[in-house]
Structures are given as C-alpha cells and as structure tokens.
PDB file of N, CA and C in Angstrom:
ATOM      1  N   MET A   1     -13.732  36.622  35.584  1.00  0.00           N
ATOM      2  CA  MET A   1     -12.706  36.279  34.625  1.00  0.00           C
ATOM      3  C   MET A   1     -11.952  35.049  35.161  1.00  0.00           C
ATOM      4  N   THR A   2     -11.780  34.055  34.324  1.00  0.00           N
ATOM      5  CA  THR A   2     -11.110  32.819  34.739  1.00  0.00           C
ATOM      6  C   THR A   2      -9.598  32.912  34.496  1.00  0.00           C
ATOM      7  N   ASN A   3      -8.879  31.955  35.070  1.00  0.00           N
ATOM      8  CA  ASN A   3      -7.436  31.878  34.825  1.00  0.00           C
ATOM      9  C   ASN A   3      -7.149  31.707  33.332  1.00  0.00           C
ATOM     10  N   ASN A   4      -8.016  30.952  32.638  1.00  0.00           N
ATOM     11  CA  ASN A   4      -7.843  30.753  31.202  1.00  0.00           C
ATOM     12  C   ASN A   4      -7.935  32.087  30.459  1.00  0.00           C
ATOM     13  N   ASP A   5      -8.906  32.919  30.856  1.00  0.00           N
ATOM     14  CA  ASP A   5      -9.070  34.232  30.227  1.00  0.00           C
ATOM     15  C   ASP A   5      -7.831  35.098  30.451  1.00  0.00           C
ATOM     16  N   ILE A   6      -7.326  35.098  31.676  1.00  0.00           N
ATOM     17  CA  ILE A   6      -6.131  35.892  32.005  1.00  0.00           C
ATOM     18  C   ILE A   6      -4.943  35.411  31.185  1.00  0.00           C
ATOM     19  N   PHE A   7      -4.766  34.087  31.132  1.00  0.00           N
ATOM     20  CA  PHE A   7      -3.655  33.492  30.387  1.00  0.00           C
ATOM     21  C   PHE A   7      -3.739  33.875  28.905  1.00  0.00           C
ATOM     22  N   LYS A   8      -4.944  33.772  28.316  1.00  0.00           N
ATOM     23  CA  LYS A   8      -5.148  34.127  26.900  1.00  0.00           C
ATOM     24  C   LYS A   8      -4.809  35.593  26.645  1.00  0.00           C
ATOM     25  N   LYS A   9      -5.298  36.464  27.532  1.00  0.00           N
ATOM     26  CA  LYS A   9      -5.068  37.902  27.353  1.00  0.00           C
ATOM     27  C   LYS A   9      -3.586  38.254  27.461  1.00  0.00           C
ATOM     28  N   LEU A  10      -2.877  37.617  28.384  1.00  0.00           N
ATOM     29  CA  LEU A  10      -1.431  37.857  28.514  1.00  0.00           C
ATOM     30  C   LEU A  10      -0.689  37.358  27.271  1.00  0.00           C
ATOM     31  N   ARG A  11      -1.101  36.198  26.788  1.00  0.00           N
ATOM     32  CA  ARG A  11      -0.461  35.634  25.588  1.00  0.00           C
ATOM     33  C   ARG A  11      -0.611  36.574  24.397  1.00  0.00           C
ATOM     34  N   VAL A  12      -1.795  37.127  24.217  1.00  0.00           N
ATOM     35  CA  VAL A  12      -2.058  38.037  23.100  1.00  0.00           C
ATOM     36  C   VAL A  12      -1.330  39.365  23.308  1.00  0.00           C
ATOM     37  N   ALA A  13      -1.441  39.922  24.517  1.00  0.00           N
ATOM     38  CA  ALA A  13      -0.841  41.230  24.799  1.00  0.00           C
ATOM     39  C   ALA A  13       0.675  41.208  24.644  1.00  0.00           C
ATOM     40  N   LEU A  14       1.299  40.088  25.052  1.00  0.00           N
ATOM     41  CA  LEU A  14       2.758  39.983  24.985  1.00  0.00           C
ATOM     42  C   LEU A  14       3.237  39.321  23.695  1.00  0.00           C
ATOM     43  N   GLN A  15       2.288  38.958  22.831  1.00  0.00           N
ATOM     44  CA  GLN A  15       2.579  38.326  21.538  1.00  0.00           C
ATOM     45  C   GLN A  15       3.481  37.107  21.704  1.00  0.00           C
ATOM     46  N   LEU A  16       3.060  36.196  22.592  1.00  0.00           N
ATOM     47  CA  LEU A  16       3.848  35.000  22.882  1.00  0.00           C
ATOM     48  C   LEU A  16       3.314  33.808  22.098  1.00  0.00           C
ATOM     49  N   ARG A  17       4.237  33.028  21.541  1.00  0.00           N
ATOM     50  CA  ARG A  17       3.883  31.767  20.884  1.00  0.00           C
ATOM     51  C   ARG A  17       3.909  30.664  21.943  1.00  0.00           C
ATOM     52  N   ASP A  18       3.288  29.540  21.628  1.00  0.00           N
ATOM     53  CA  ASP A  18       3.231  28.430  22.580  1.00  0.00           C
ATOM     54  C   ASP A  18       4.620  27.965  22.999  1.00  0.00           C
ATOM     55  N   ASP A  19       5.558  27.883  22.045  1.00  0.00           N
ATOM     56  CA  ASP A  19       6.904  27.418  22.400  1.00  0.00           C
ATOM     57  C   ASP A  19       7.602  28.406  23.338  1.00  0.00           C
ATOM     58  N   GLU A  20       7.297  29.684  23.209  1.00  0.00           N
ATOM     59  CA  GLU A  20       7.872  30.690  24.116  1.00  0.00           C
ATOM     60  C   GLU A  20       7.292  30.539  25.525  1.00  0.00           C
ATOM     61  N   ILE A  21       6.005  30.240  25.599  1.00  0.00           N
ATOM     62  CA  ILE A  21       5.369  30.039  26.904  1.00  0.00           C
ATOM     63  C   ILE A  21       5.940  28.804  27.582  1.00  0.00           C
ATOM     64  N   VAL A  22       6.179  27.740  26.811  1.00  0.00           N
ATOM     65  CA  VAL A  22       6.790  26.525  27.368  1.00  0.00           C
ATOM     66  C   VAL A  22       8.163  26.861  27.950  1.00  0.00           C
ATOM     67  N   LYS A  23       8.963  27.662  27.233  1.00  0.00           N
ATOM     68  CA  LYS A  23      10.291  28.053  27.722  1.00  0.00           C
ATOM     69  C   LYS A  23      10.202  28.931  28.966  1.00  0.00           C
ATOM     70  N   ILE A  24       9.213  29.817  29.008  1.00  0.00           N
ATOM     71  CA  ILE A  24       9.018  30.679  30.185  1.00  0.00           C
ATOM     72  C   ILE A  24       8.682  29.819  31.403  1.00  0.00           C
ATOM     73  N   LEU A  25       7.840  28.814  31.228  1.00  0.00           N
ATOM     74  CA  LEU A  25       7.498  27.924  32.329  1.00  0.00           C
ATOM     75  C   LEU A  25       8.706  27.090  32.768  1.00  0.00           C
ATOM     76  N   GLU A  26       9.586  26.758  31.833  1.00  0.00           N
ATOM     77  CA  GLU A  26      10.792  26.001  32.175  1.00  0.00           C
ATOM     78  C   GLU A  26      11.749  26.830  33.044  1.00  0.00           C
ATOM     79  N   LEU A  27      11.669  28.152  32.970  1.00  0.00           N
ATOM     80  CA  LEU A  27      12.516  29.011  33.801  1.00  0.00           C
ATOM     81  C   LEU A  27      12.244  28.813  35.287  1.00  0.00           C
ATOM     82  N   VAL A  28      11.040  28.354  35.628  1.00  0.00           N
ATOM     83  CA  VAL A  28      10.696  28.079  37.025  1.00  0.00           C
ATOM     84  C   VAL A  28      10.538  26.576  37.250  1.00  0.00           C
ATOM     85  N   ASP A  29      11.209  25.782  36.405  1.00  0.00           N
ATOM     86  CA  ASP A  29      11.211  24.315  36.506  1.00  0.00           C
ATOM     87  C   ASP A  29       9.812  23.711  36.463  1.00  0.00           C
ATOM     88  N   PHE A  30       8.955  24.265  35.613  1.00  0.00           N
ATOM     89  CA  PHE A  30       7.620  23.724  35.406  1.00  0.00           C
ATOM     90  C   PHE A  30       7.552  23.216  33.976  1.00  0.00           C
ATOM     91  N   ARG A  31       7.338  21.926  33.825  1.00  0.00           N
ATOM     92  CA  ARG A  31       7.320  21.309  32.497  1.00  0.00           C
ATOM     93  C   ARG A  31       5.881  21.124  32.014  1.00  0.00           C
ATOM     94  N   ILE A  32       5.642  21.508  30.767  1.00  0.00           N
ATOM     95  CA  ILE A  32       4.331  21.330  30.135  1.00  0.00           C
ATOM     96  C   ILE A  32       4.554  21.191  28.631  1.00  0.00           C
ATOM     97  N   SER A  33       3.743  20.366  27.984  1.00  0.00           N
ATOM     98  CA  SER A  33       3.882  20.193  26.540  1.00  0.00           C
ATOM     99  C   SER A  33       3.036  21.242  25.818  1.00  0.00           C
ATOM    100  N   LYS A  34       3.332  21.438  24.540  1.00  0.00           N
ATOM    101  CA  LYS A  34       2.555  22.397  23.739  1.00  0.00           C
ATOM    102  C   LYS A  34       1.094  21.973  23.640  1.00  0.00           C
ATOM    103  N   SER A  35       0.839  20.660  23.551  1.00  0.00           N
ATOM    104  CA  SER A  35      -0.547  20.200  23.433  1.00  0.00           C
ATOM    105  C   SER A  35      -1.316  20.420  24.737  1.00  0.00           C
ATOM    106  N   GLU A  36      -0.653  20.222  25.883  1.00  0.00           N
ATOM    107  CA  GLU A  36      -1.311  20.509  27.162  1.00  0.00           C
ATOM    108  C   GLU A  36      -1.610  22.005  27.274  1.00  0.00           C
ATOM    109  N   LEU A  37      -0.665  22.803  26.833  1.00  0.00           N
ATOM    110  CA  LEU A  37      -0.816  24.256  26.873  1.00  0.00           C
ATOM    111  C   LEU A  37      -1.968  24.696  25.972  1.00  0.00           C
ATOM    112  N   GLY A  38      -2.061  24.100  24.791  1.00  0.00           N
ATOM    113  CA  GLY A  38      -3.117  24.447  23.838  1.00  0.00           C
ATOM    114  C   GLY A  38      -4.508  24.206  24.391  1.00  0.00           C
ATOM    115  N   ALA A  39      -4.649  23.256  25.308  1.00  0.00           N
ATOM    116  CA  ALA A  39      -5.957  22.957  25.898  1.00  0.00           C
ATOM    117  C   ALA A  39      -6.488  24.140  26.703  1.00  0.00           C
ATOM    118  N   PHE A  40      -5.597  24.968  27.247  1.00  0.00           N
ATOM    119  CA  PHE A  40      -6.028  26.139  28.018  1.00  0.00           C
ATOM    120  C   PHE A  40      -6.585  27.246  27.125  1.00  0.00           C
ATOM    121  N   PHE A  41      -6.162  27.260  25.867  1.00  0.00           N
ATOM    122  CA  PHE A  41      -6.547  28.342  24.965  1.00  0.00           C
ATOM    123  C   PHE A  41      -7.744  27.988  24.077  1.00  0.00           C
ATOM    124  N   ARG A  42      -8.302  26.808  24.267  1.00  0.00           N
ATOM    125  CA  ARG A  42      -9.483  26.398  23.501  1.00  0.00           C
ATOM    126  C   ARG A  42     -10.746  27.036  24.089  1.00  0.00           C
ATOM    127  N   LYS A  43     -11.833  26.977  23.326  1.00  0.00           N
ATOM    128  CA  LYS A  43     -13.125  27.462  23.831  1.00  0.00           C
ATOM    129  C   LYS A  43     -13.643  26.469  24.866  1.00  0.00           C
ATOM    130  N   GLU A  44     -14.423  26.968  25.812  1.00  0.00           N
ATOM    131  CA  GLU A  44     -14.911  26.134  26.912  1.00  0.00           C
ATOM    132  C   GLU A  44     -15.741  24.940  26.449  1.00  0.00           C
ATOM    133  N   ASP A  45     -16.418  25.062  25.308  1.00  0.00           N
ATOM    134  CA  ASP A  45     -17.266  23.965  24.843  1.00  0.00           C
ATOM    135  C   ASP A  45     -16.500  22.930  24.009  1.00  0.00           C
ATOM    136  N   HIS A  46     -15.204  23.145  23.795  1.00  0.00           N
ATOM    137  CA  HIS A  46     -14.388  22.192  23.038  1.00  0.00           C
ATOM    138  C   HIS A  46     -14.136  20.961  23.905  1.00  0.00           C
ATOM    139  N   PRO A  47     -14.182  19.763  23.306  1.00  0.00           N
ATOM    140  CA  PRO A  47     -13.996  18.540  24.104  1.00  0.00           C
ATOM    141  C   PRO A  47     -12.614  18.430  24.783  1.00  0.00           C
ATOM    142  N   LYS A  48     -11.603  19.075  24.226  1.00  0.00           N
ATOM    143  CA  LYS A  48     -10.262  18.977  24.818  1.00  0.00           C
ATOM    144  C   LYS A  48      -9.883  20.209  25.640  1.00  0.00           C
ATOM    145  N   TYR A  49     -10.874  21.048  25.951  1.00  0.00           N
ATOM    146  CA  TYR A  49     -10.648  22.221  26.798  1.00  0.00           C
ATOM    147  C   TYR A  49     -10.248  21.768  28.200  1.00  0.00           C
ATOM    148  N   MET A  50      -9.316  22.498  28.807  1.00  0.00           N
ATOM    149  CA  MET A  50      -8.900  22.189  30.167  1.00  0.00           C
ATOM    150  C   MET A  50      -8.831  23.490  30.965  1.00  0.00           C
ATOM    151  N   GLU A  51      -9.277  23.444  32.209  1.00  0.00           N
ATOM    152  CA  GLU A  51      -9.193  24.629  33.053  1.00  0.00           C
ATOM    153  C   GLU A  51      -7.755  24.864  33.481  1.00  0.00           C
ATOM    154  N   CYS A  52      -7.355  26.117  33.469  1.00  0.00           N
ATOM    155  CA  CYS A  52      -6.018  26.505  33.904  1.00  0.00           C
ATOM    156  C   CYS A  52      -6.065  26.710  35.417  1.00  0.00           C
ATOM    157  N   GLY A  53      -5.321  25.897  36.124  1.00  0.00           N
ATOM    158  CA  GLY A  53      -5.301  26.003  37.579  1.00  0.00           C
ATOM    159  C   GLY A  53      -4.441  27.162  38.063  1.00  0.00           C
ATOM    160  N   ASP A  54      -4.605  27.467  39.344  1.00  0.00           N
ATOM    161  CA  ASP A  54      -3.845  28.554  39.953  1.00  0.00           C
ATOM    162  C   ASP A  54      -2.338  28.306  39.866  1.00  0.00           C
ATOM    163  N   GLN A  55      -1.920  27.047  40.059  1.00  0.00           N
ATOM    164  CA  GLN A  55      -0.497  26.715  40.051  1.00  0.00           C
ATOM    165  C   GLN A  55       0.138  27.013  38.695  1.00  0.00           C
ATOM    166  N   ILE A  56      -0.540  26.688  37.631  1.00  0.00           N
ATOM    167  CA  ILE A  56       0.007  26.918  36.294  1.00  0.00           C
ATOM    168  C   ILE A  56       0.119  28.411  36.007  1.00  0.00           C
ATOM    169  N   LEU A  57      -0.931  29.160  36.318  1.00  0.00           N
ATOM    170  CA  LEU A  57      -0.895  30.607  36.087  1.00  0.00           C
ATOM    171  C   LEU A  57       0.176  31.263  36.960  1.00  0.00           C
ATOM    172  N   ARG A  58       0.274  30.842  38.219  1.00  0.00           N
ATOM    173  CA  ARG A  58       1.285  31.389  39.128  1.00  0.00           C
ATOM    174  C   ARG A  58       2.696  31.122  38.599  1.00  0.00           C
ATOM    175  N   ASN A  59       2.944  29.889  38.158  1.00  0.00           N
ATOM    176  CA  ASN A  59       4.260  29.553  37.611  1.00  0.00           C
ATOM    177  C   ASN A  59       4.556  30.341  36.346  1.00  0.00           C
ATOM    178  N   PHE A  60       3.537  30.542  35.502  1.00  0.00           N
ATOM    179  CA  PHE A  60       3.740  31.344  34.297  1.00  0.00           C
ATOM    180  C   PHE A  60       4.112  32.773  34.663  1.00  0.00           C
ATOM    181  N   LEU A  61       3.403  33.369  35.610  1.00  0.00           N
ATOM    182  CA  LEU A  61       3.696  34.747  36.014  1.00  0.00           C
ATOM    183  C   LEU A  61       5.094  34.868  36.630  1.00  0.00           C
ATOM    184  N   ASN A  62       5.483  33.900  37.456  1.00  0.00           N
ATOM    185  CA  ASN A  62       6.832  33.912  38.027  1.00  0.00           C
ATOM    186  C   ASN A  62       7.891  33.752  36.943  1.00  0.00           C
ATOM    187  N   GLY A  63       7.641  32.868  35.983  1.00  0.00           N
ATOM    188  CA  GLY A  63       8.567  32.692  34.863  1.00  0.00           C
ATOM    189  C   GLY A  63       8.628  33.934  33.988  1.00  0.00           C
ATOM    190  N   LEU A  64       7.507  34.600  33.834  1.00  0.00           N
ATOM    191  CA  LEU A  64       7.443  35.820  33.023  1.00  0.00           C
ATOM    192  C   LEU A  64       8.301  36.920  33.635  1.00  0.00           C
ATOM    193  N   VAL A  65       8.300  37.014  34.951  1.00  0.00           N
ATOM    194  CA  VAL A  65       9.144  37.998  35.638  1.00  0.00           C
ATOM    195  C   VAL A  65      10.608  37.725  35.319  1.00  0.00           C
ATOM    196  N   ILE A  66      11.019  36.469  35.404  1.00  0.00           N
ATOM    197  CA  ILE A  66      12.408  36.105  35.094  1.00  0.00           C
ATOM    198  C   ILE A  66      12.709  36.379  33.630  1.00  0.00           C
ATOM    199  N   HIS A  67      11.765  36.030  32.760  1.00  0.00           N
ATOM    200  CA  HIS A  67      11.938  36.231  31.314  1.00  0.00           C
ATOM    201  C   HIS A  67      12.133  37.712  30.973  1.00  0.00           C
ATOM    202  N   LEU A  68      11.347  38.578  31.603  1.00  0.00           N
ATOM    203  CA  LEU A  68      11.397  40.002  31.278  1.00  0.00           C
ATOM    204  C   LEU A  68      12.495  40.757  32.027  1.00  0.00           C
ATOM    205  N   ARG A  69      12.751  40.409  33.283  1.00  0.00           N
ATOM    206  CA  ARG A  69      13.729  41.133  34.101  1.00  0.00           C
ATOM    207  C   ARG A  69      15.085  40.466  34.202  1.00  0.00           C
ATOM    208  N   GLY A  70      15.121  39.165  33.989  1.00  0.00           N
ATOM    209  CA  GLY A  70      16.346  38.409  34.205  1.00  0.00           C
ATOM    210  C   GLY A  70      16.300  37.757  35.576  1.00  0.00           C
ATOM    211  N   PRO A  71      17.237  36.853  35.846  1.00  0.00           N
ATOM    212  CA  PRO A  71      17.228  36.148  37.128  1.00  0.00           C
ATOM    213  C   PRO A  71      17.506  37.094  38.298  1.00  0.00           C
ATOM    214  N   LYS A  72      17.025  36.705  39.450  1.00  0.00           N
ATOM    215  CA  LYS A  72      17.208  37.495  40.665  1.00  0.00           C
ATOM    216  C   LYS A  72      18.697  37.532  41.018  1.00  0.00           C
ATOM    217  N   PRO A  73      19.261  38.708  41.350  1.00  0.00           N
ATOM    218  CA  PRO A  73      20.680  38.767  41.685  1.00  0.00           C
ATOM    219  C   PRO A  73      20.963  38.033  42.998  1.00  0.00           C
ATOM    220  N   VAL A  74      22.116  37.397  43.066  1.00  0.00           N
ATOM    221  CA  VAL A  74      22.531  36.672  44.261  1.00  0.00           C
ATOM    222  C   VAL A  74      22.968  37.681  45.311  1.00  0.00           C
ATOM    223  N   LYS A  75      22.511  37.476  46.571  1.00  0.00           N
ATOM    224  CA  LYS A  75      22.851  38.404  47.651  1.00  0.00           C
ATOM    225  C   LYS A  75      23.728  37.710  48.682  1.00  0.00           C
ATOM    226  N   ASP A  76      24.530  38.518  49.388  1.00  0.00           N
ATOM    227  CA  ASP A  76      25.360  37.958  50.444  1.00  0.00           C
ATOM    228  C   ASP A  76      24.527  37.778  51.711  1.00  0.00           C
ATOM    229  N   SER A  77      25.151  37.364  52.804  1.00  0.00           N
ATOM    230  CA  SER A  77      24.426  37.085  54.044  1.00  0.00           C
ATOM    231  C   SER A  77      23.793  38.333  54.657  1.00  0.00           C
ATOM    232  N   LYS A  78      24.263  39.530  54.281  1.00  0.00           N
ATOM    233  CA  LYS A  78      23.710  40.776  54.812  1.00  0.00           C
ATOM    234  C   LYS A  78      22.607  41.339  53.915  1.00  0.00           C
ATOM    235  N   GLY A  79      22.283  40.636  52.822  1.00  0.00           N
ATOM    236  CA  GLY A  79      21.221  41.091  51.946  1.00  0.00           C
ATOM    237  C   GLY A  79      21.665  42.021  50.846  1.00  0.00           C
ATOM    238  N   LYS A  80      22.997  42.235  50.734  1.00  0.00           N
ATOM    239  CA  LYS A  80      23.527  43.129  49.696  1.00  0.00           C
ATOM    240  C   LYS A  80      23.927  42.303  48.481  1.00  0.00           C
ATOM    241  N   PRO A  81      23.786  42.848  47.271  1.00  0.00           N
ATOM    242  CA  PRO A  81      24.200  42.115  46.067  1.00  0.00           C
ATOM    243  C   PRO A  81      25.676  41.761  46.136  1.00  0.00           C
ATOM    244  N   LYS A  82      25.985  40.495  45.775  1.00  0.00           N
ATOM    245  CA  LYS A  82      27.377  40.045  45.766  1.00  0.00           C
ATOM    246  C   LYS A  82      28.119  40.678  44.598  1.00  0.00           C
ATOM    247  N   LYS A  83      29.372  41.040  44.843  1.00  0.00           N
ATOM    248  CA  LYS A  83      30.213  41.562  43.774  1.00  0.00           C
ATOM    249  C   LYS A  83      30.882  40.405  43.066  1.00  0.00           C
ATOM    250  N   GLU A  84      30.896  40.487  41.742  1.00  0.00           N
ATOM    251  CA  GLU A  84      31.530  39.420  40.960  1.00  0.00           C
ATOM    252  C   GLU A  84      33.023  39.634  40.926  1.00  0.00           C
ATOM    253  N   GLY A  85      33.759  38.510  40.922  1.00  0.00           N
ATOM    254  CA  GLY A  85      35.200  38.586  40.769  1.00  0.00           C
ATOM    255  C   GLY A  85      35.872  38.509  42.025  1.00  0.00           C
TER     256      GLY A  85
END
C-alpha cells in the first residue's frame, strides 16, 4: 500500500474535502495548494499524478491529531500542565 493509498483512504473515511485537508496541513505550518493536493488523489496512470512523499503524509497525520484533539497543552518546567490565570 502506498502513501497515496493511505492518504485516499483517510480522506474518504474521515469525509474530508480538499480545503479541509489544506487547513489541517496549515496547522503544522505545511503549505500546499488544492491543485497540488489533487495530484495525490489521481490514478497512477494520469499524467498529473504525483507520489505522496513520507513528509507530506507525516505532516498530514500530525495536523490531523491537532485537528481532532486540539493543540498540545503548554507544560511548566516540571512537565505539569500550566494553570491559566
């Protein structure tokens, strides 16, 4: 199974649109256009097909964690969550 296959399956399973995926990638400061993203979801024999590299899939998964769970809580020097206020 290729990175493209994994990316496609996650997109379908989570019912994500391309603009949502772009926003998820922006959560980890990774910029990509909708047209670049669309190249990953094309069939392999399409002239504009592009392989999804490890870095892109990794950034998507890291952004997905933030998207679903929220940002990581800030901790103090002892590793305990900081209290607000």
